[in-house]
């Protein structure tokens, strides 16, 4: 069976990281600012598994924030770039069947990963299985100018992507979260200003799901 994952391509893997340091630099800063705000919802978290870590860009960033991160990706070429570029730990594996026991990490992160997984709801279910405290998502917003631009652009990467709206993400999560939770969603990468907003039309969706213990308040 032919592998339709664009990140298995050696040339794409070799040049992917450079985007963050060139024309994608400002987008990267805005995405990280939003994700950092969401991480503050998990004050006791120390470990993060990034599913779809690619070249290790965000896995390494989690490390600079003081977390103990681990990366997982299905593409060996992307992982080769990750370990050659950053001092991180990572493993080859599938988002749909994570090779870890339940509640193995405090946080499960999927940053621009869900778009390239054939069964996103199963990937979310697996992330919730392995997470102790919750999950962190970064997703390109289908209902945004950026999402429209990516769909028009197509190509070997975005031509393979399935984009999601905030409403669709909430719907998928509601079907797989096993118990009480608190959901926080904001968007960034707006065409007219920098920063994040609760409005659902920014180009990049940041979403945190905090799993609640029995009797725990959503504000805790």
Protein backbone atom coordinates (compact mmCIF):
# COMPACT_ATOMS: atom_id res chain seq x y z
CA UNK A 1 0.00 0.00 0.00
CA UNK A 2 1.38 3.41 -0.95
CA UNK A 3 2.22 5.72 1.97
CA UNK A 4 0.41 9.04 1.40
CA UNK A 5 2.22 10.88 4.19
CA UNK A 6 4.15 13.80 2.57
CA UNK A 7 6.63 13.90 5.43
CA UNK A 8 8.11 10.58 4.40
CA UNK A 9 9.65 12.50 1.51
CA UNK A 10 13.36 13.03 2.16
CA UNK A 11 13.50 16.42 0.41
CA UNK A 12 10.49 17.79 2.35
CA UNK A 13 12.03 16.61 5.62
CA UNK A 14 15.39 18.19 4.82
CA UNK A 15 13.91 21.66 4.19
CA UNK A 16 10.97 21.71 6.61
CA UNK A 17 12.71 23.20 9.65
CA UNK A 18 14.06 26.18 7.69
CA UNK A 19 10.53 27.61 7.34
CA UNK A 20 10.36 28.39 11.06
CA UNK A 21 13.52 30.50 10.86
CA UNK A 22 12.74 32.39 7.64
CA UNK A 23 9.33 33.37 6.23
CA UNK A 24 7.50 31.49 8.98
CA UNK A 25 9.32 33.18 11.86
CA UNK A 26 6.57 35.64 12.84
CA UNK A 27 3.89 32.95 12.61
CA UNK A 28 6.02 30.71 14.79
CA UNK A 29 6.33 33.40 17.46
CA UNK A 30 2.57 33.99 17.53
CA UNK A 31 1.78 30.29 17.67
CA UNK A 32 4.21 29.74 20.55
CA UNK A 33 2.82 32.72 22.47
CA UNK A 34 -0.67 31.20 22.30
CA UNK A 35 0.51 27.69 23.14
CA UNK A 36 2.50 28.97 26.12
CA UNK A 37 -0.64 30.65 27.49
CA UNK A 38 -2.52 27.37 27.20
CA UNK A 39 0.29 25.45 28.89
CA UNK A 40 -0.18 27.67 31.94
CA UNK A 41 -3.47 25.84 32.49
CA UNK A 42 -1.35 22.85 33.58
CA UNK A 43 0.83 24.30 36.37
CA UNK A 44 1.86 20.88 37.71
CA UNK A 45 2.80 19.34 34.37
CA UNK A 46 6.41 18.30 33.79
CA UNK A 47 6.29 15.77 30.94
CA UNK A 48 5.01 16.26 27.38
CA UNK A 49 4.70 13.83 24.50
CA UNK A 50 4.53 15.59 21.15
CA UNK A 51 2.79 13.35 18.63
CA UNK A 52 3.87 14.22 15.09
CA UNK A 53 6.99 15.99 16.32
CA UNK A 54 8.46 16.22 12.81
CA UNK A 55 11.84 17.96 12.91
CA UNK A 56 11.57 18.45 16.67
CA UNK A 57 10.90 22.19 16.50
CA UNK A 58 8.19 22.31 19.17
CA UNK A 59 9.59 19.38 21.16
CA UNK A 60 12.78 21.37 21.62
CA UNK A 61 10.78 24.48 22.48
CA UNK A 62 8.97 22.58 25.24
CA UNK A 63 12.42 21.67 26.59
CA UNK A 64 13.47 25.34 26.68
CA UNK A 65 10.35 26.05 28.77
CA UNK A 66 11.53 23.59 31.39
CA UNK A 67 9.47 20.54 30.50
CA UNK A 68 10.76 17.02 29.98
CA UNK A 69 9.54 16.35 26.42
CA UNK A 70 9.50 13.31 24.18
CA UNK A 71 8.77 13.31 20.46
CA UNK A 72 7.02 10.73 18.29
CA UNK A 73 6.63 10.70 14.52
CA UNK A 74 5.89 8.11 11.85
CA UNK A 75 8.45 9.56 9.41
CA UNK A 76 12.00 8.31 9.85
CA UNK A 77 13.31 11.13 7.66
CA UNK A 78 11.72 13.78 9.88
CA UNK A 79 13.09 12.09 13.00
CA UNK A 80 16.58 12.02 11.49
CA UNK A 81 16.32 15.80 11.07
CA UNK A 82 15.04 16.16 14.64
CA UNK A 83 17.86 14.30 16.35
CA UNK A 84 20.51 15.96 14.18
CA UNK A 85 19.16 19.43 14.92
CA UNK A 86 18.10 19.29 18.58
CA UNK A 87 19.12 17.52 21.81
CA UNK A 88 15.78 15.74 22.19
CA UNK A 89 14.50 12.21 22.68
CA UNK A 90 12.14 10.79 20.09
CA UNK A 91 10.73 7.57 18.73
CA UNK A 92 9.18 6.36 15.49
CA UNK A 93 5.55 5.39 15.95
CA UNK A 94 1.91 5.85 14.96
CA UNK A 95 -0.52 8.42 16.38
CA UNK A 96 -3.36 5.92 16.00
CA UNK A 97 -1.69 3.36 18.27
CA UNK A 98 0.70 5.12 20.63
CA UNK A 99 3.41 2.77 21.96
CA UNK A 100 2.99 3.95 25.56
CA UNK A 101 0.91 2.82 28.54
CA UNK A 102 -2.12 4.79 29.69
CA UNK A 103 -1.40 8.06 31.53
CA UNK A 104 2.30 7.89 30.66
CA UNK A 105 2.72 11.68 30.16
CA UNK A 106 1.20 14.75 31.78
CA UNK A 107 0.35 16.41 28.46
CA UNK A 108 -0.09 15.08 24.92
CA UNK A 109 0.60 17.72 22.24
CA UNK A 110 -0.33 17.60 18.56
CA UNK A 111 0.89 20.72 16.75
CA UNK A 112 -0.15 20.91 13.05
CA UNK A 113 -0.37 17.13 13.16
CA UNK A 114 -4.07 16.31 13.26
CA UNK A 115 -4.40 17.64 9.69
CA UNK A 116 -2.30 14.74 8.36
CA UNK A 117 -3.78 11.83 10.32
CA UNK A 118 -6.30 9.64 8.45
CA UNK A 119 -8.46 9.05 11.56
CA UNK A 120 -8.20 12.20 13.72
CA UNK A 121 -10.83 11.06 16.21
CA UNK A 122 -8.88 7.87 16.94
CA UNK A 123 -5.70 9.96 17.33
CA UNK A 124 -7.47 12.16 19.89
CA UNK A 125 -8.74 9.07 21.72
CA UNK A 126 -5.20 7.70 21.91
CA UNK A 127 -3.84 11.06 23.09
CA UNK A 128 -6.42 11.15 25.87
CA UNK A 129 -5.54 7.59 26.87
CA UNK A 130 -1.87 8.42 27.31
CA UNK A 131 -2.40 11.83 28.97
CA UNK A 132 -2.62 12.27 32.74
CA UNK A 133 -3.61 15.94 32.79
CA UNK A 134 -4.78 16.81 29.29
CA UNK A 135 -3.96 17.54 25.68
CA UNK A 136 -2.72 20.55 23.72
CA UNK A 137 -3.68 21.06 20.08
CA UNK A 138 -2.39 23.45 17.45
CA UNK A 139 -4.47 23.23 14.25
CA UNK A 140 -4.78 25.30 11.07
CA UNK A 141 -8.28 26.78 11.02
CA UNK A 142 -10.40 25.81 8.02
CA UNK A 143 -12.62 28.87 8.59
CA UNK A 144 -9.85 31.45 8.23
CA UNK A 145 -8.04 33.37 5.54
CA UNK A 146 -4.91 31.30 6.20
CA UNK A 147 -6.87 28.08 5.87
CA UNK A 148 -8.27 29.25 2.54
CA UNK A 149 -4.78 30.18 1.34
CA UNK A 150 -3.43 26.74 2.23
CA UNK A 151 -6.30 25.01 0.45
CA UNK A 152 -5.66 27.09 -2.67
CA UNK A 153 -1.92 26.52 -2.43
CA UNK A 154 -2.24 22.76 -2.23
CA UNK A 155 1.06 21.13 -3.17
CA UNK A 156 2.78 18.09 -1.69
CA UNK A 157 2.06 19.15 1.92
CA UNK A 158 -1.17 21.15 2.12
CA UNK A 159 -2.70 19.27 -0.76
CA UNK A 160 -2.71 16.25 1.58
CA UNK A 161 -4.07 18.11 4.63
CA UNK A 162 -7.57 17.98 6.11
CA UNK A 163 -8.30 21.28 7.87
CA UNK A 164 -10.70 21.64 10.78
CA UNK A 165 -12.88 24.32 12.32
CA UNK A 166 -13.08 25.02 16.06
CA UNK A 167 -16.60 23.54 16.08
CA UNK A 168 -15.42 20.32 14.42
CA UNK A 169 -12.57 19.91 16.91
CA UNK A 170 -14.98 20.34 19.83
CA UNK A 171 -17.35 17.83 18.26
CA UNK A 172 -14.63 15.20 17.83
CA UNK A 173 -13.36 15.72 21.37
CA UNK A 174 -16.82 15.44 22.89
CA UNK A 175 -17.10 11.92 21.47
CA UNK A 176 -13.86 10.60 22.96
CA UNK A 177 -13.23 12.40 26.27
CA UNK A 178 -14.03 9.82 28.97
CA UNK A 179 -14.99 12.13 31.87
CA UNK A 180 -15.27 15.75 33.02
CA UNK A 181 -13.01 18.27 31.34
CA UNK A 182 -12.41 21.97 30.80
CA UNK A 183 -11.80 23.15 27.24
CA UNK A 184 -10.04 26.41 26.37
CA UNK A 185 -9.80 27.61 22.77
CA UNK A 186 -8.23 30.70 21.22
CA UNK A 187 -6.97 31.58 17.75
CA UNK A 188 -4.05 33.57 16.40
CA UNK A 189 -2.43 34.41 13.03
CA UNK A 190 -4.96 37.11 12.25
CA UNK A 191 -4.37 39.07 9.03
CA UNK A 192 -4.88 42.46 10.71
CA UNK A 193 -3.21 42.15 14.14
CA UNK A 194 -0.77 40.08 16.16
CA UNK A 195 -1.94 38.24 19.22
CA UNK A 196 -4.64 35.80 20.23
CA UNK A 197 -8.39 36.10 20.51
CA UNK A 198 -11.34 34.00 21.65
CA UNK A 199 -12.93 34.70 18.27
CA UNK A 200 -12.92 31.50 16.16
CA UNK A 201 -11.57 32.82 12.85
CA UNK A 202 -7.81 33.22 13.36
CA UNK A 203 -5.56 31.11 11.15
CA UNK A 204 -4.15 28.95 13.94
CA UNK A 205 -6.31 27.29 16.58
CA UNK A 206 -4.80 26.68 20.01
CA UNK A 207 -6.90 24.32 22.10
CA UNK A 208 -6.29 22.84 25.55
CA UNK A 209 -8.32 20.09 27.17
CA UNK A 210 -7.77 19.82 30.91
CA UNK A 211 -8.96 16.51 32.34
CA UNK A 212 -10.68 17.01 35.67
CA UNK A 213 -10.46 14.73 38.67
CA UNK A 214 -13.65 13.78 40.45
CA UNK A 215 -14.98 16.82 42.27
CA UNK A 216 -12.44 19.19 40.68
CA UNK A 217 -13.72 22.58 39.53
CA UNK A 218 -13.23 23.66 35.93
CA UNK A 219 -11.48 26.75 37.30
CA UNK A 220 -8.99 24.76 39.37
